[in-house]
């Protein structure tokens, strides 16, 4: 493999990292439109925001998906 191949692989890797890694420094915007029940700080945030237990939040996410709006609507029912 040549230098160009390694360069392209490096660019592709960097793009994947930016797309799939959770930016823990990012506290607003798109990060707040989805709920990640695998992160303790997100469980704390969202369960407090919606006024429900962590278990109830997890059950809601498993039922309707990770969209914060969908979870909120589900919990209001």
C-alpha atoms as a PDB file:
ATOM      1  CA  UNK A   1       0.000   0.000   0.000  1.00  0.00           C
ATOM      2  CA  UNK A   2       1.187   3.441  -0.837  1.00  0.00           C
ATOM      3  CA  UNK A   3       1.146   6.718   1.050  1.00  0.00           C
ATOM      4  CA  UNK A   4      -2.116   7.757  -0.637  1.00  0.00           C
ATOM      5  CA  UNK A   5      -3.856   4.636   0.618  1.00  0.00           C
ATOM      6  CA  UNK A   6      -2.801   5.305   4.209  1.00  0.00           C
ATOM      7  CA  UNK A   7      -3.911   8.915   3.848  1.00  0.00           C
ATOM      8  CA  UNK A   8      -7.376   7.858   2.653  1.00  0.00           C
ATOM      9  CA  UNK A   9      -7.677   5.264   5.413  1.00  0.00           C
ATOM     10  CA  UNK A  10      -6.706   7.932   7.970  1.00  0.00           C
ATOM     11  CA  UNK A  11      -9.333  10.356   6.659  1.00  0.00           C
ATOM     12  CA  UNK A  12     -11.992   7.645   6.703  1.00  0.00           C
ATOM     13  CA  UNK A  13     -11.063   6.676  10.276  1.00  0.00           C
ATOM     14  CA  UNK A  14     -11.252  10.305  11.456  1.00  0.00           C
ATOM     15  CA  UNK A  15     -14.698  10.683   9.867  1.00  0.00           C
ATOM     16  CA  UNK A  16     -15.939   7.541  11.602  1.00  0.00           C
ATOM     17  CA  UNK A  17     -14.648   8.777  14.946  1.00  0.00           C
ATOM     18  CA  UNK A  18     -16.445  12.106  14.524  1.00  0.00           C
ATOM     19  CA  UNK A  19     -19.695  10.398  13.530  1.00  0.00           C
ATOM     20  CA  UNK A  20     -19.866   7.610  16.096  1.00  0.00           C
ATOM     21  CA  UNK A  21     -18.087   8.834  19.202  1.00  0.00           C
ATOM     22  CA  UNK A  22     -20.124  10.585  21.888  1.00  0.00           C
ATOM     23  CA  UNK A  23     -18.683  14.039  22.511  1.00  0.00           C
ATOM     24  CA  UNK A  24     -18.919  14.379  26.278  1.00  0.00           C
ATOM     25  CA  UNK A  25     -17.994  18.083  26.046  1.00  0.00           C
ATOM     26  CA  UNK A  26     -21.064  18.757  23.916  1.00  0.00           C
ATOM     27  CA  UNK A  27     -23.959  19.500  26.257  1.00  0.00           C
ATOM     28  CA  UNK A  28     -26.615  21.007  23.998  1.00  0.00           C
ATOM     29  CA  UNK A  29     -28.082  20.860  20.518  1.00  0.00           C
ATOM     30  CA  UNK A  30     -28.097  17.477  18.813  1.00  0.00           C
ATOM     31  CA  UNK A  31     -26.728  15.765  21.914  1.00  0.00           C
ATOM     32  CA  UNK A  32     -29.969  16.653  23.699  1.00  0.00           C
ATOM     33  CA  UNK A  33     -32.267  15.288  20.995  1.00  0.00           C
ATOM     34  CA  UNK A  34     -31.332  11.664  21.712  1.00  0.00           C
ATOM     35  CA  UNK A  35     -31.189   9.672  24.934  1.00  0.00           C
ATOM     36  CA  UNK A  36     -28.318   7.254  25.543  1.00  0.00           C
ATOM     37  CA  UNK A  37     -29.392   4.989  28.390  1.00  0.00           C
ATOM     38  CA  UNK A  38     -25.892   3.491  28.536  1.00  0.00           C
ATOM     39  CA  UNK A  39     -24.403   6.698  29.983  1.00  0.00           C
ATOM     40  CA  UNK A  40     -25.024   7.350  33.691  1.00  0.00           C
ATOM     41  CA  UNK A  41     -24.933  11.130  33.283  1.00  0.00           C
ATOM     42  CA  UNK A  42     -27.605  10.927  30.594  1.00  0.00           C
ATOM     43  CA  UNK A  43     -29.807   8.718  32.762  1.00  0.00           C
ATOM     44  CA  UNK A  44     -29.462  11.279  35.557  1.00  0.00           C
ATOM     45  CA  UNK A  45     -30.210  14.211  33.267  1.00  0.00           C
ATOM     46  CA  UNK A  46     -33.223  12.741  31.481  1.00  0.00           C
ATOM     47  CA  UNK A  47     -34.829  11.067  34.501  1.00  0.00           C
ATOM     48  CA  UNK A  48     -34.626  14.397  36.366  1.00  0.00           C
ATOM     49  CA  UNK A  49     -35.895  16.342  33.354  1.00  0.00           C
ATOM     50  CA  UNK A  50     -38.926  14.082  32.913  1.00  0.00           C
ATOM     51  CA  UNK A  51     -39.458  13.466  36.645  1.00  0.00           C
ATOM     52  CA  UNK A  52     -39.342   9.674  36.348  1.00  0.00           C
ATOM     53  CA  UNK A  53     -37.180   6.885  37.708  1.00  0.00           C
ATOM     54  CA  UNK A  54     -34.214   5.624  35.721  1.00  0.00           C
ATOM     55  CA  UNK A  55     -35.961   2.288  35.240  1.00  0.00           C
ATOM     56  CA  UNK A  56     -39.072   3.970  33.834  1.00  0.00           C
ATOM     57  CA  UNK A  57     -36.874   6.059  31.506  1.00  0.00           C
ATOM     58  CA  UNK A  58     -35.063   2.932  30.280  1.00  0.00           C
ATOM     59  CA  UNK A  59     -38.383   1.188  29.639  1.00  0.00           C
ATOM     60  CA  UNK A  60     -39.666   4.199  27.674  1.00  0.00           C
ATOM     61  CA  UNK A  61     -36.514   4.321  25.509  1.00  0.00           C
ATOM     62  CA  UNK A  62     -36.771   0.594  24.842  1.00  0.00           C
ATOM     63  CA  UNK A  63     -40.416   1.072  23.815  1.00  0.00           C
ATOM     64  CA  UNK A  64     -40.276   4.192  21.598  1.00  0.00           C
ATOM     65  CA  UNK A  65     -36.595   4.617  20.758  1.00  0.00           C
ATOM     66  CA  UNK A  66     -33.966   7.198  21.645  1.00  0.00           C
ATOM     67  CA  UNK A  67     -35.724  10.363  20.450  1.00  0.00           C
ATOM     68  CA  UNK A  68     -36.148  12.661  23.467  1.00  0.00           C
ATOM     69  CA  UNK A  69     -39.392  14.048  22.019  1.00  0.00           C
ATOM     70  CA  UNK A  70     -40.850  10.569  21.505  1.00  0.00           C
ATOM     71  CA  UNK A  71     -39.861   9.504  25.019  1.00  0.00           C
ATOM     72  CA  UNK A  72     -41.353  12.664  26.508  1.00  0.00           C
ATOM     73  CA  UNK A  73     -44.638  12.122  24.641  1.00  0.00           C
ATOM     74  CA  UNK A  74     -44.728   8.489  25.756  1.00  0.00           C
ATOM     75  CA  UNK A  75     -44.132   9.389  29.397  1.00  0.00           C
ATOM     76  CA  UNK A  76     -46.905  12.004  29.349  1.00  0.00           C
ATOM     77  CA  UNK A  77     -49.505   9.358  28.460  1.00  0.00           C
END
